[in-house]
Amino acid sequence: MDANDRYALTAAEWEAIKDLAHYTPPRGPKPDPDTVRPMLNGICWILGSGATWRDVPARFGPWRRVYARFRAYIKHGVFEAMQKKLHAAAFDNGQLKLDLAHMDGTYIRAHRHAAGAKKKRAKTLKPRKRSRRSDAPGEGLPPNST
């Protein structure tokens, strides 16, 4: 593997997910089976390098097709299925130990009320006390001249 293949799938990784990577969309043109692995490597290259889609090297195929495959995989849950399959395989092989997994609470946002802060309550408006006679309704108005 040379520097250009830094983000490419290994043979073992490809064997583990190749049945899911050969996703066929319900409508539209069917992808060529020979382009599936190079395009998936192109997706890995983009996600690993942080480059823009237009910068996908030509060896992975046209950038618009690589992007279209990426969007189709997201839309139809192919990446989630790959992740579940790889997690299950790693767990079965003893490579994934859930007792070592933990979540750090510093990265989870919680509402301030979850920490015990007092909740703000809406102020209820009390009727204003009339201190002067002219504040009474109808008083202080000029008499009707009819």
N, C-alpha and C. Protein backbone atom coordinates (compact mmCIF):
# COMPACT_ATOMS: atom_id res chain seq x y z
N MET A 1 0.85 -1.17 0.00
CA MET A 1 0.00 0.00 0.00
C MET A 1 0.90 1.24 0.00
N ASP A 2 0.71 2.12 -0.95
CA ASP A 2 1.52 3.34 -1.00
C ASP A 2 0.75 4.50 -0.38
N ALA A 3 1.35 5.68 -0.43
CA ALA A 3 0.75 6.86 0.20
C ALA A 3 -0.59 7.22 -0.44
N ASN A 4 -0.78 6.90 -1.71
CA ASN A 4 -2.05 7.21 -2.38
C ASN A 4 -3.19 6.34 -1.87
N ASP A 5 -2.86 5.18 -1.30
CA ASP A 5 -3.88 4.26 -0.82
C ASP A 5 -4.05 4.31 0.69
N ARG A 6 -3.65 5.41 1.29
CA ARG A 6 -3.71 5.52 2.74
C ARG A 6 -5.14 5.35 3.26
N TYR A 7 -6.12 5.83 2.53
CA TYR A 7 -7.51 5.76 2.97
C TYR A 7 -8.28 4.61 2.33
N ALA A 8 -7.62 3.79 1.53
CA ALA A 8 -8.30 2.70 0.82
C ALA A 8 -8.61 1.55 1.77
N LEU A 9 -9.63 0.80 1.43
CA LEU A 9 -10.00 -0.37 2.21
C LEU A 9 -9.00 -1.49 2.01
N THR A 10 -8.68 -2.20 3.07
CA THR A 10 -7.81 -3.37 2.95
C THR A 10 -8.63 -4.52 2.39
N ALA A 11 -7.95 -5.60 2.03
CA ALA A 11 -8.65 -6.77 1.49
C ALA A 11 -9.61 -7.36 2.53
N ALA A 12 -9.19 -7.40 3.78
CA ALA A 12 -10.05 -7.95 4.84
C ALA A 12 -11.28 -7.05 5.06
N GLU A 13 -11.07 -5.74 5.03
CA GLU A 13 -12.20 -4.82 5.20
C GLU A 13 -13.18 -4.94 4.04
N TRP A 14 -12.64 -5.06 2.83
CA TRP A 14 -13.49 -5.19 1.65
C TRP A 14 -14.30 -6.49 1.71
N GLU A 15 -13.68 -7.59 2.12
CA GLU A 15 -14.39 -8.87 2.22
C GLU A 15 -15.53 -8.80 3.22
N ALA A 16 -15.33 -8.03 4.29
CA ALA A 16 -16.35 -7.94 5.33
C ALA A 16 -17.59 -7.18 4.88
N ILE A 17 -17.44 -6.21 3.98
CA ILE A 17 -18.58 -5.36 3.62
C ILE A 17 -18.96 -5.41 2.15
N LYS A 18 -18.31 -6.24 1.36
CA LYS A 18 -18.56 -6.17 -0.08
C LYS A 18 -20.00 -6.51 -0.46
N ASP A 19 -20.66 -7.39 0.29
CA ASP A 19 -22.05 -7.70 -0.06
C ASP A 19 -22.96 -6.51 0.18
N LEU A 20 -22.65 -5.67 1.19
CA LEU A 20 -23.44 -4.46 1.43
C LEU A 20 -23.06 -3.33 0.48
N ALA A 21 -21.79 -3.31 0.06
CA ALA A 21 -21.33 -2.23 -0.82
C ALA A 21 -21.91 -2.35 -2.23
N HIS A 22 -22.33 -3.54 -2.60
CA HIS A 22 -22.91 -3.74 -3.93
C HIS A 22 -24.40 -3.42 -3.91
N TYR A 23 -24.72 -2.32 -3.28
CA TYR A 23 -26.10 -1.86 -3.19
C TYR A 23 -26.61 -1.45 -4.57
N THR A 24 -27.81 -1.92 -4.91
CA THR A 24 -28.43 -1.55 -6.17
C THR A 24 -29.63 -0.66 -5.87
N PRO A 25 -29.66 0.55 -6.40
CA PRO A 25 -30.79 1.45 -6.12
C PRO A 25 -32.08 0.90 -6.70
N PRO A 26 -33.22 1.24 -6.09
CA PRO A 26 -34.50 0.73 -6.58
C PRO A 26 -34.86 1.25 -7.97
N ARG A 27 -34.43 2.46 -8.29
CA ARG A 27 -34.71 3.02 -9.61
C ARG A 27 -33.43 3.60 -10.18
N GLY A 28 -33.45 3.84 -11.44
CA GLY A 28 -32.31 4.47 -12.09
C GLY A 28 -31.31 3.44 -12.61
N PRO A 29 -30.22 3.92 -13.16
CA PRO A 29 -29.23 3.01 -13.74
C PRO A 29 -28.54 2.19 -12.65
N LYS A 30 -28.27 0.95 -12.98
CA LYS A 30 -27.59 0.05 -12.04
C LYS A 30 -26.09 0.30 -12.11
N PRO A 31 -25.41 0.40 -10.96
CA PRO A 31 -23.97 0.65 -10.98
C PRO A 31 -23.20 -0.55 -11.51
N ASP A 32 -22.12 -0.27 -12.18
CA ASP A 32 -21.24 -1.32 -12.69
C ASP A 32 -20.54 -1.97 -11.50
N PRO A 33 -20.60 -3.30 -11.35
CA PRO A 33 -19.98 -3.96 -10.20
C PRO A 33 -18.47 -3.72 -10.09
N ASP A 34 -17.83 -3.44 -11.22
CA ASP A 34 -16.38 -3.21 -11.19
C ASP A 34 -16.02 -1.84 -10.61
N THR A 35 -16.99 -0.94 -10.50
CA THR A 35 -16.70 0.40 -9.99
C THR A 35 -17.03 0.57 -8.52
N VAL A 36 -17.63 -0.46 -7.90
CA VAL A 36 -18.08 -0.32 -6.52
C VAL A 36 -16.92 -0.08 -5.56
N ARG A 37 -15.91 -0.93 -5.62
CA ARG A 37 -14.79 -0.78 -4.67
C ARG A 37 -14.00 0.51 -4.92
N PRO A 38 -13.66 0.87 -6.16
CA PRO A 38 -12.96 2.15 -6.34
C PRO A 38 -13.76 3.35 -5.85
N MET A 39 -15.08 3.34 -6.08
CA MET A 39 -15.89 4.46 -5.62
C MET A 39 -15.98 4.48 -4.10
N LEU A 40 -16.08 3.33 -3.47
CA LEU A 40 -16.09 3.29 -2.01
C LEU A 40 -14.75 3.76 -1.46
N ASN A 41 -13.67 3.41 -2.14
CA ASN A 41 -12.36 3.93 -1.74
C ASN A 41 -12.30 5.45 -1.94
N GLY A 42 -12.97 5.95 -2.97
CA GLY A 42 -13.04 7.40 -3.17
C GLY A 42 -13.80 8.08 -2.05
N ILE A 43 -14.88 7.45 -1.59
CA ILE A 43 -15.63 8.00 -0.46
C ILE A 43 -14.76 8.00 0.79
N CYS A 44 -14.03 6.91 1.01
CA CYS A 44 -13.11 6.85 2.16
C CYS A 44 -12.02 7.91 2.04
N TRP A 45 -11.57 8.15 0.81
CA TRP A 45 -10.53 9.16 0.60
C TRP A 45 -11.05 10.55 0.96
N ILE A 46 -12.27 10.85 0.53
CA ILE A 46 -12.87 12.15 0.83
C ILE A 46 -13.05 12.32 2.33
N LEU A 47 -13.63 11.31 2.97
CA LEU A 47 -13.90 11.41 4.40
C LEU A 47 -12.61 11.46 5.22
N GLY A 48 -11.58 10.77 4.74
CA GLY A 48 -10.31 10.77 5.47
C GLY A 48 -9.47 12.01 5.24
N SER A 49 -9.50 12.54 4.03
CA SER A 49 -8.64 13.67 3.70
C SER A 49 -9.30 15.02 4.00
N GLY A 50 -10.62 15.06 3.97
CA GLY A 50 -11.31 16.32 4.20
C GLY A 50 -11.35 17.21 2.97
N ALA A 51 -10.99 16.68 1.82
CA ALA A 51 -10.99 17.46 0.58
C ALA A 51 -12.42 17.65 0.09
N THR A 52 -12.57 18.48 -0.93
CA THR A 52 -13.89 18.69 -1.53
C THR A 52 -14.15 17.57 -2.53
N TRP A 53 -15.42 17.39 -2.87
CA TRP A 53 -15.79 16.32 -3.80
C TRP A 53 -15.14 16.51 -5.16
N ARG A 54 -14.96 17.73 -5.57
CA ARG A 54 -14.36 17.99 -6.89
C ARG A 54 -12.90 17.58 -6.95
N ASP A 55 -12.29 17.38 -5.79
CA ASP A 55 -10.88 17.00 -5.74
C ASP A 55 -10.64 15.49 -5.69
N VAL A 56 -11.69 14.71 -5.88
CA VAL A 56 -11.53 13.25 -5.88
C VAL A 56 -10.61 12.86 -7.02
N PRO A 57 -9.55 12.08 -6.75
CA PRO A 57 -8.65 11.65 -7.83
C PRO A 57 -9.39 10.83 -8.89
N ALA A 58 -8.96 10.92 -10.11
CA ALA A 58 -9.62 10.26 -11.23
C ALA A 58 -9.63 8.74 -11.10
N ARG A 59 -8.71 8.17 -10.34
CA ARG A 59 -8.66 6.71 -10.21
C ARG A 59 -9.88 6.15 -9.49
N PHE A 60 -10.63 7.02 -8.79
CA PHE A 60 -11.84 6.58 -8.09
C PHE A 60 -13.10 6.75 -8.95
N GLY A 61 -12.97 7.37 -10.08
CA GLY A 61 -14.11 7.62 -10.96
C GLY A 61 -14.47 9.09 -10.94
N PRO A 62 -15.44 9.47 -11.77
CA PRO A 62 -15.87 10.87 -11.81
C PRO A 62 -16.43 11.30 -10.45
N TRP A 63 -16.08 12.49 -10.02
CA TRP A 63 -16.47 12.93 -8.69
C TRP A 63 -17.97 12.98 -8.51
N ARG A 64 -18.71 13.30 -9.56
CA ARG A 64 -20.18 13.35 -9.44
C ARG A 64 -20.76 11.97 -9.17
N ARG A 65 -20.19 10.95 -9.77
CA ARG A 65 -20.68 9.59 -9.53
C ARG A 65 -20.29 9.10 -8.15
N VAL A 66 -19.10 9.45 -7.70
CA VAL A 66 -18.68 9.07 -6.35
C VAL A 66 -19.60 9.74 -5.33
N TYR A 67 -19.88 11.02 -5.56
CA TYR A 67 -20.78 11.73 -4.66
C TYR A 67 -22.19 11.15 -4.71
N ALA A 68 -22.67 10.81 -5.91
CA ALA A 68 -24.01 10.22 -6.04
C ALA A 68 -24.09 8.89 -5.30
N ARG A 69 -23.04 8.09 -5.38
CA ARG A 69 -23.01 6.81 -4.65
C ARG A 69 -23.02 7.08 -3.14
N PHE A 70 -22.26 8.06 -2.70
CA PHE A 70 -22.22 8.43 -1.28
C PHE A 70 -23.62 8.82 -0.80
N ARG A 71 -24.30 9.67 -1.56
CA ARG A 71 -25.65 10.11 -1.18
C ARG A 71 -26.63 8.94 -1.16
N ALA A 72 -26.51 8.03 -2.14
CA ALA A 72 -27.40 6.86 -2.17
C ALA A 72 -27.15 5.96 -0.96
N TYR A 73 -25.90 5.77 -0.60
CA TYR A 73 -25.58 4.96 0.58
C TYR A 73 -26.16 5.57 1.84
N ILE A 74 -26.09 6.89 1.95
CA ILE A 74 -26.65 7.55 3.13
C ILE A 74 -28.17 7.44 3.12
N LYS A 75 -28.78 7.73 1.99
CA LYS A 75 -30.24 7.74 1.89
C LYS A 75 -30.85 6.39 2.20
N HIS A 76 -30.19 5.32 1.78
CA HIS A 76 -30.76 3.98 1.92
C HIS A 76 -30.16 3.19 3.08
N GLY A 77 -29.38 3.85 3.93
CA GLY A 77 -28.89 3.21 5.15
C GLY A 77 -27.79 2.19 4.96
N VAL A 78 -27.05 2.28 3.87
CA VAL A 78 -25.98 1.31 3.61
C VAL A 78 -24.84 1.46 4.61
N PHE A 79 -24.48 2.70 4.93
CA PHE A 79 -23.39 2.91 5.89
C PHE A 79 -23.77 2.39 7.28
N GLU A 80 -25.02 2.60 7.69
CA GLU A 80 -25.46 2.09 8.98
C GLU A 80 -25.43 0.58 9.01
N ALA A 81 -25.84 -0.06 7.90
CA ALA A 81 -25.80 -1.53 7.83
C ALA A 81 -24.36 -2.03 7.88
N MET A 82 -23.45 -1.32 7.21
CA MET A 82 -22.03 -1.69 7.27
C MET A 82 -21.51 -1.58 8.70
N GLN A 83 -21.86 -0.49 9.36
CA GLN A 83 -21.40 -0.28 10.73
C GLN A 83 -21.92 -1.37 11.66
N LYS A 84 -23.20 -1.70 11.56
CA LYS A 84 -23.76 -2.75 12.41
C LYS A 84 -23.09 -4.08 12.16
N LYS A 85 -22.86 -4.40 10.89
CA LYS A 85 -22.22 -5.67 10.56
C LYS A 85 -20.79 -5.73 11.10
N LEU A 86 -20.04 -4.65 10.94
CA LEU A 86 -18.67 -4.62 11.43
C LEU A 86 -18.61 -4.66 12.96
N HIS A 87 -19.53 -3.98 13.62
CA HIS A 87 -19.57 -4.02 15.09
C HIS A 87 -19.90 -5.42 15.58
N ALA A 88 -20.87 -6.07 14.93
CA ALA A 88 -21.25 -7.43 15.33
C ALA A 88 -20.09 -8.39 15.11
N ALA A 89 -19.39 -8.25 13.98
CA ALA A 89 -18.25 -9.13 13.71
C ALA A 89 -17.13 -8.89 14.71
N ALA A 90 -16.86 -7.65 15.03
CA ALA A 90 -15.80 -7.33 15.99
C ALA A 90 -16.17 -7.84 17.39
N PHE A 91 -17.43 -7.74 17.75
CA PHE A 91 -17.87 -8.23 19.05
C PHE A 91 -17.75 -9.75 19.12
N ASP A 92 -18.15 -10.44 18.04
CA ASP A 92 -18.06 -11.90 18.01
C ASP A 92 -16.62 -12.39 18.06
N ASN A 93 -15.70 -11.63 17.46
CA ASN A 93 -14.29 -12.01 17.44
C ASN A 93 -13.54 -11.58 18.70
N GLY A 94 -14.21 -10.88 19.60
CA GLY A 94 -13.56 -10.42 20.81
C GLY A 94 -12.73 -9.17 20.62
N GLN A 95 -12.87 -8.52 19.48
CA GLN A 95 -12.12 -7.28 19.22
C GLN A 95 -12.82 -6.06 19.77
N LEU A 96 -14.10 -6.18 20.08
CA LEU A 96 -14.87 -5.07 20.62
C LEU A 96 -15.36 -5.46 22.00
N LYS A 97 -14.91 -4.73 22.99
CA LYS A 97 -15.29 -5.03 24.36
C LYS A 97 -16.14 -3.88 24.88
N LEU A 98 -17.40 -4.16 25.08
CA LEU A 98 -18.32 -3.10 25.48
C LEU A 98 -18.07 -2.63 26.91
N ASP A 99 -17.41 -3.44 27.74
CA ASP A 99 -17.12 -2.98 29.09
C ASP A 99 -16.05 -1.89 29.11
N LEU A 100 -15.33 -1.72 28.00
CA LEU A 100 -14.34 -0.66 27.91
C LEU A 100 -14.91 0.62 27.30
N ALA A 101 -16.10 0.52 26.74
CA ALA A 101 -16.72 1.68 26.10
C ALA A 101 -17.39 2.54 27.16
N HIS A 102 -17.22 3.83 27.04
CA HIS A 102 -17.89 4.76 27.93
C HIS A 102 -18.10 6.07 27.20
N MET A 103 -18.98 6.86 27.76
CA MET A 103 -19.27 8.14 27.16
C MET A 103 -18.87 9.23 28.14
N ASP A 104 -18.18 10.20 27.66
CA ASP A 104 -17.73 11.31 28.50
C ASP A 104 -18.81 12.37 28.52
N GLY A 105 -19.28 12.71 29.69
CA GLY A 105 -20.37 13.67 29.83
C GLY A 105 -20.00 15.09 29.46
N THR A 106 -18.73 15.40 29.30
CA THR A 106 -18.37 16.77 28.96
C THR A 106 -18.76 17.11 27.53
N TYR A 107 -19.09 16.12 26.74
CA TYR A 107 -19.45 16.38 25.35
C TYR A 107 -20.95 16.33 25.13
N ILE A 108 -21.70 16.11 26.17
CA ILE A 108 -23.15 16.01 26.03
C ILE A 108 -23.76 17.28 26.59
N ARG A 109 -24.47 18.00 25.75
CA ARG A 109 -25.12 19.22 26.21
C ARG A 109 -26.39 18.85 26.95
N ALA A 110 -26.59 19.51 28.05
CA ALA A 110 -27.81 19.33 28.81
C ALA A 110 -28.39 20.72 29.07
N HIS A 111 -29.67 20.76 29.22
CA HIS A 111 -30.31 22.02 29.53
C HIS A 111 -29.92 22.45 30.93
N ARG A 112 -29.87 23.72 31.19
CA ARG A 112 -29.40 24.18 32.50
C ARG A 112 -30.31 23.70 33.62
N HIS A 113 -31.57 23.42 33.32
CA HIS A 113 -32.47 22.93 34.35
C HIS A 113 -32.11 21.51 34.77
N ALA A 114 -31.41 20.80 33.90
CA ALA A 114 -30.99 19.44 34.25
C ALA A 114 -29.94 19.46 35.35
N ALA A 115 -29.27 20.59 35.55
CA ALA A 115 -28.24 20.71 36.57
C ALA A 115 -28.80 21.25 37.88
N GLY A 116 -30.09 21.48 37.96
CA GLY A 116 -30.69 21.93 39.20
C GLY A 116 -30.97 23.41 39.27
N ALA A 117 -30.77 24.15 38.20
CA ALA A 117 -31.07 25.58 38.22
C ALA A 117 -32.57 25.80 38.36
N LYS A 118 -32.93 26.89 39.01
CA LYS A 118 -34.35 27.17 39.18
C LYS A 118 -34.96 27.55 37.84
N LYS A 119 -36.16 27.10 37.66
CA LYS A 119 -36.87 27.42 36.43
C LYS A 119 -37.47 28.80 36.54
N LYS A 120 -37.44 29.53 35.45
CA LYS A 120 -38.08 30.84 35.41
C LYS A 120 -39.57 30.63 35.20
N ARG A 121 -40.33 31.35 35.97
CA ARG A 121 -41.77 31.25 35.81
C ARG A 121 -42.29 32.54 35.19
N ALA A 122 -43.30 32.40 34.41
CA ALA A 122 -43.89 33.57 33.78
C ALA A 122 -44.49 34.48 34.84
N LYS A 123 -44.22 35.75 34.71
CA LYS A 123 -44.77 36.70 35.66
C LYS A 123 -46.24 36.90 35.38
N THR A 124 -47.02 36.88 36.44
CA THR A 124 -48.44 37.17 36.27
C THR A 124 -48.64 38.66 36.52
N LEU A 125 -49.33 39.27 35.64
CA LEU A 125 -49.58 40.71 35.77
C LEU A 125 -50.74 40.94 36.72
N LYS A 126 -50.48 41.77 37.71
CA LYS A 126 -51.52 42.12 38.66
C LYS A 126 -52.21 43.38 38.16
N PRO A 127 -53.47 43.52 38.45
CA PRO A 127 -54.14 44.75 38.02
C PRO A 127 -53.53 45.96 38.71
N ARG A 128 -53.40 47.01 37.97
CA ARG A 128 -52.78 48.23 38.48
C ARG A 128 -53.74 48.93 39.44
N LYS A 129 -53.21 49.37 40.55
CA LYS A 129 -54.03 50.09 41.51
C LYS A 129 -54.19 51.53 41.02
N ARG A 130 -55.38 52.01 41.14
CA ARG A 130 -55.64 53.38 40.74
C ARG A 130 -55.42 54.28 41.94
N SER A 131 -54.50 55.17 41.78
CA SER A 131 -54.17 56.04 42.90
C SER A 131 -54.90 57.37 42.82
N ARG A 132 -55.31 57.75 41.63
CA ARG A 132 -56.00 59.04 41.48
C ARG A 132 -57.40 58.82 40.96
N ARG A 133 -58.19 59.77 41.24
CA ARG A 133 -59.57 59.69 40.80
C ARG A 133 -59.67 59.75 39.28
N SER A 134 -58.74 60.43 38.64
CA SER A 134 -58.82 60.58 37.19
C SER A 134 -58.46 59.28 36.47
N ASP A 135 -57.91 58.33 37.21
CA ASP A 135 -57.58 57.05 36.58
C ASP A 135 -58.80 56.14 36.44
N ALA A 136 -59.87 56.47 37.14
CA ALA A 136 -61.04 55.61 37.07
C ALA A 136 -61.64 55.72 35.68
N PRO A 137 -62.15 54.62 35.17
CA PRO A 137 -62.71 54.67 33.82
C PRO A 137 -63.88 55.66 33.73
N GLY A 138 -63.85 56.47 32.72
CA GLY A 138 -64.93 57.42 32.47
C GLY A 138 -64.79 58.72 33.22
N GLU A 139 -63.92 58.79 34.18
CA GLU A 139 -63.75 60.02 34.95
C GLU A 139 -62.63 60.83 34.37
N GLY A 140 -62.70 62.11 34.50
CA GLY A 140 -61.69 63.01 34.00
C GLY A 140 -61.88 63.35 32.55
N LEU A 141 -62.98 62.87 31.98
CA LEU A 141 -63.26 63.17 30.58
C LEU A 141 -64.17 64.38 30.53
N PRO A 142 -64.05 65.16 29.48
CA PRO A 142 -64.96 66.33 29.38
C PRO A 142 -66.40 65.86 29.25
N PRO A 143 -67.32 66.65 29.81
CA PRO A 143 -68.73 66.25 29.72
C PRO A 143 -69.22 66.26 28.29
N ASN A 144 -70.22 65.44 28.06
CA ASN A 144 -70.80 65.34 26.72
C ASN A 144 -71.65 66.57 26.46
N SER A 145 -71.41 67.23 25.39
CA SER A 145 -72.22 68.43 25.07
C SER A 145 -73.16 68.08 23.94
N THR A 146 -74.35 67.71 24.34
CA THR A 146 -75.38 67.43 23.33
C THR A 146 -76.59 68.25 23.49
